[in-house]
Protein backbone atom coordinates (compact mmCIF):
# COMPACT_ATOMS: atom_id res chain seq x y z
CA MET A 1 40.56 124.17 32.95
CA ALA A 2 43.05 127.06 32.89
CA LEU A 3 42.56 130.06 35.11
CA ASN A 4 42.12 133.30 33.26
CA ARG A 5 44.32 135.56 35.39
CA LYS A 6 44.75 139.19 34.52
CA LYS A 7 48.34 140.02 33.67
CA ILE A 8 50.08 142.36 36.11
CA ASN A 9 51.37 145.65 34.71
CA LYS A 10 55.12 145.33 33.98
CA GLU A 11 55.91 148.60 35.79
CA VAL A 12 54.04 147.36 38.88
CA LEU A 13 55.98 144.08 38.84
CA GLU A 14 59.35 145.78 38.44
CA LEU A 15 58.69 148.21 41.27
CA PHE A 16 57.27 145.58 43.64
CA ASP A 17 60.01 143.04 42.89
CA ARG A 18 62.67 145.47 44.18
CA TYR A 19 61.30 144.82 47.66
CA VAL A 20 60.57 141.07 47.65
CA GLU A 21 62.82 138.22 48.67
CA ASN A 22 63.11 134.87 46.89
CA LYS A 23 60.59 135.99 44.25
CA VAL A 24 57.72 135.70 46.75
CA ARG A 25 55.43 138.52 45.69
CA ASN A 26 54.19 139.44 49.16
CA LEU A 27 55.48 142.15 51.47
CA ASN A 28 54.94 142.15 55.21
CA LYS A 29 53.62 145.39 56.65
CA PRO A 30 56.99 146.98 57.63
CA ASP A 31 58.51 146.21 54.21
CA ALA A 32 55.41 147.42 52.37
CA ILE A 33 55.38 150.65 54.37
CA GLU A 34 59.08 151.21 53.59
CA MET A 35 58.33 150.70 49.88
CA LEU A 36 55.39 153.13 49.97
CA LYS A 37 57.58 155.72 51.67
CA ALA A 38 60.60 155.24 49.41
CA GLU A 39 58.80 154.95 46.08
CA PHE A 40 55.88 157.34 46.61
CA GLY A 41 57.23 159.88 49.10
CA LEU A 42 54.65 159.10 51.77
CA ASP A 43 55.39 159.73 55.44
CA ASP A 44 54.94 157.02 58.11
CA ASP A 45 51.30 157.88 58.82
CA GLN A 46 50.33 158.18 55.15
CA ALA A 47 52.07 154.90 54.26
CA GLY A 48 50.33 153.20 57.20
CA VAL A 49 46.91 154.42 56.10
CA MET A 50 47.58 153.29 52.54
CA PHE A 51 48.72 149.87 53.74
CA GLU A 52 45.58 149.45 55.84
CA THR A 53 43.38 150.61 52.96
CA PHE A 54 44.86 148.30 50.35
CA ASP A 55 45.52 145.22 52.55
CA LYS A 56 42.09 144.04 51.47
CA ASP A 57 42.16 140.72 53.33
CA HIS A 58 43.63 142.37 56.46
CA ASN A 59 46.32 139.71 56.86
CA GLY A 60 49.20 142.16 57.46
CA ILE A 61 50.72 141.36 54.07
CA MET A 62 50.57 143.35 50.84
CA SER A 63 50.31 140.97 47.91
CA ILE A 64 51.26 141.94 44.38
CA TRP A 65 47.52 142.10 43.60
CA GLU A 66 46.83 144.48 46.50
CA PHE A 67 49.79 146.62 45.48
CA GLU A 68 48.49 146.74 41.93
CA GLN A 69 45.18 148.10 43.26
CA PHE A 70 47.07 150.77 45.18
CA TYR A 71 49.12 151.59 42.08
CA MET A 72 46.01 151.82 39.89
CA CYS A 73 44.47 154.30 42.34
CA MET A 74 47.52 156.39 43.11
CA GLY A 75 50.06 155.65 40.37
CA ASN A 76 52.63 158.38 40.00
CA HIS A 77 50.27 160.97 41.52
CA ALA A 78 50.97 160.27 45.19
CA GLN A 79 52.25 163.71 46.05
CA GLU A 80 49.43 165.46 44.17
CA ILE A 81 46.84 163.38 46.00
CA VAL A 82 48.47 163.90 49.41
CA HIS A 83 48.76 167.65 48.73
CA LYS A 84 45.07 167.89 47.74
CA PHE A 85 44.06 165.88 50.82
CA LYS A 86 46.08 168.15 53.15
CA GLU A 87 44.65 171.22 51.42
CA LEU A 88 41.11 170.00 52.12
CA ASP A 89 41.90 168.86 55.69
CA LYS A 90 41.50 172.36 57.12
CA ASP A 91 41.82 171.30 60.77
CA GLY A 92 44.85 169.07 60.14
CA SER A 93 43.17 166.04 61.74
CA GLY A 94 44.35 163.61 59.06
CA LYS A 95 40.73 162.96 58.11
CA LEU A 96 38.16 164.86 56.13
CA GLU A 97 35.05 165.60 58.14
CA MET A 98 31.76 165.88 56.26
CA SER A 99 32.02 169.65 55.77
CA GLU A 100 35.65 169.44 54.55
CA ALA A 101 34.77 166.62 52.15
CA ARG A 102 31.74 168.49 50.82
CA GLU A 103 33.72 171.70 50.26
CA GLY A 104 36.55 169.74 48.65
CA LEU A 105 34.31 167.80 46.29
CA LYS A 106 32.64 171.05 45.20
CA SER A 107 36.07 172.31 44.10
CA ILE A 108 37.04 169.15 42.20
CA LYS A 109 36.37 168.70 38.51
CA THR A 110 35.81 165.26 37.01
CA ALA A 111 38.01 163.85 34.25
CA THR A 112 35.61 165.43 31.75
CA GLY A 113 36.09 168.85 33.36
CA ARG A 114 32.69 169.31 34.96
CA GLY A 115 31.96 169.98 38.60
CA LEU A 116 29.97 167.60 40.77
CA VAL A 117 26.36 168.43 41.62
CA ASP A 118 25.10 168.20 45.22
CA LYS A 119 23.42 164.84 44.64
CA GLU A 120 26.70 163.34 43.36
CA ILE A 121 28.66 164.86 46.24
CA ASP A 122 26.22 163.33 48.75
CA PHE A 123 26.54 159.95 47.01
CA PHE A 124 30.33 159.99 46.98
CA ILE A 125 30.57 161.05 50.62
CA LYS A 126 28.04 158.41 51.69
CA THR A 127 29.81 155.63 49.76
CA THR A 128 33.32 156.69 50.80
CA ALA A 129 33.16 157.79 54.45
CA ASP A 130 33.62 155.33 57.29
CA ASP A 131 31.03 154.74 60.02
CA ASP A 132 32.09 157.98 61.74
CA GLY A 133 31.33 159.96 58.59
CA VAL A 134 34.98 160.88 57.94
CA ILE A 135 37.30 160.10 55.04
CA ASP A 136 40.96 159.16 55.50
CA LEU A 137 43.72 159.43 52.89
CA GLY A 138 43.19 155.88 51.62
CA GLN A 139 39.46 156.39 51.18
CA PHE A 140 40.15 159.74 49.51
CA THR A 141 42.54 158.04 47.07
CA ASN A 142 39.87 155.48 46.20
CA LEU A 143 37.35 158.29 45.75
CA LEU A 144 39.60 160.16 43.32
CA TYR A 145 40.09 156.92 41.40
CA ARG A 146 36.32 156.42 41.21
CA LEU A 147 36.03 159.96 39.89
CA LYS A 148 38.70 159.02 37.31
CA LEU A 149 40.80 162.03 38.26
CA TYR A 150 44.10 160.16 38.35
CA LYS A 151 45.05 157.29 36.17
CA ALA A 152 47.98 154.93 36.55
CA PRO A 153 50.29 154.65 33.55
CA ALA A 154 49.19 152.22 30.87
CA PRO A 155 50.86 148.77 30.89
CA LYS A 156 54.08 148.58 28.91
């Protein structure tokens, strides 16, 4: 019985393979963070948060599959997403508190161009925030992806 594996986007493979050794498609945390900084213009803290968010099995390694998830969420929009996050993070804490998230989501339009209603905002905050009720950059990136605001390039 053959496994039906989803094919990895060619652009994702090419980018990721620049950082792997011996064709092993896994990057340890320091190498993955360097890639996130070099390829997406993230600073140390932002790259660290993204690594922690997308290292789904929390093994300290970013697999090609985990990187593909990051790429699908952030794609070529890293700087736009970081800029929007910083704009909403009024107190500069590196996290969006409930009031900052609520205000920010009220200002965001969906992919169809409509604003979110209060019930949707409450849902997205509740399903995105951590136990402390705050949203970090990684969670914010996932939220924007769920809202379909940013889309990674189509496979080539």
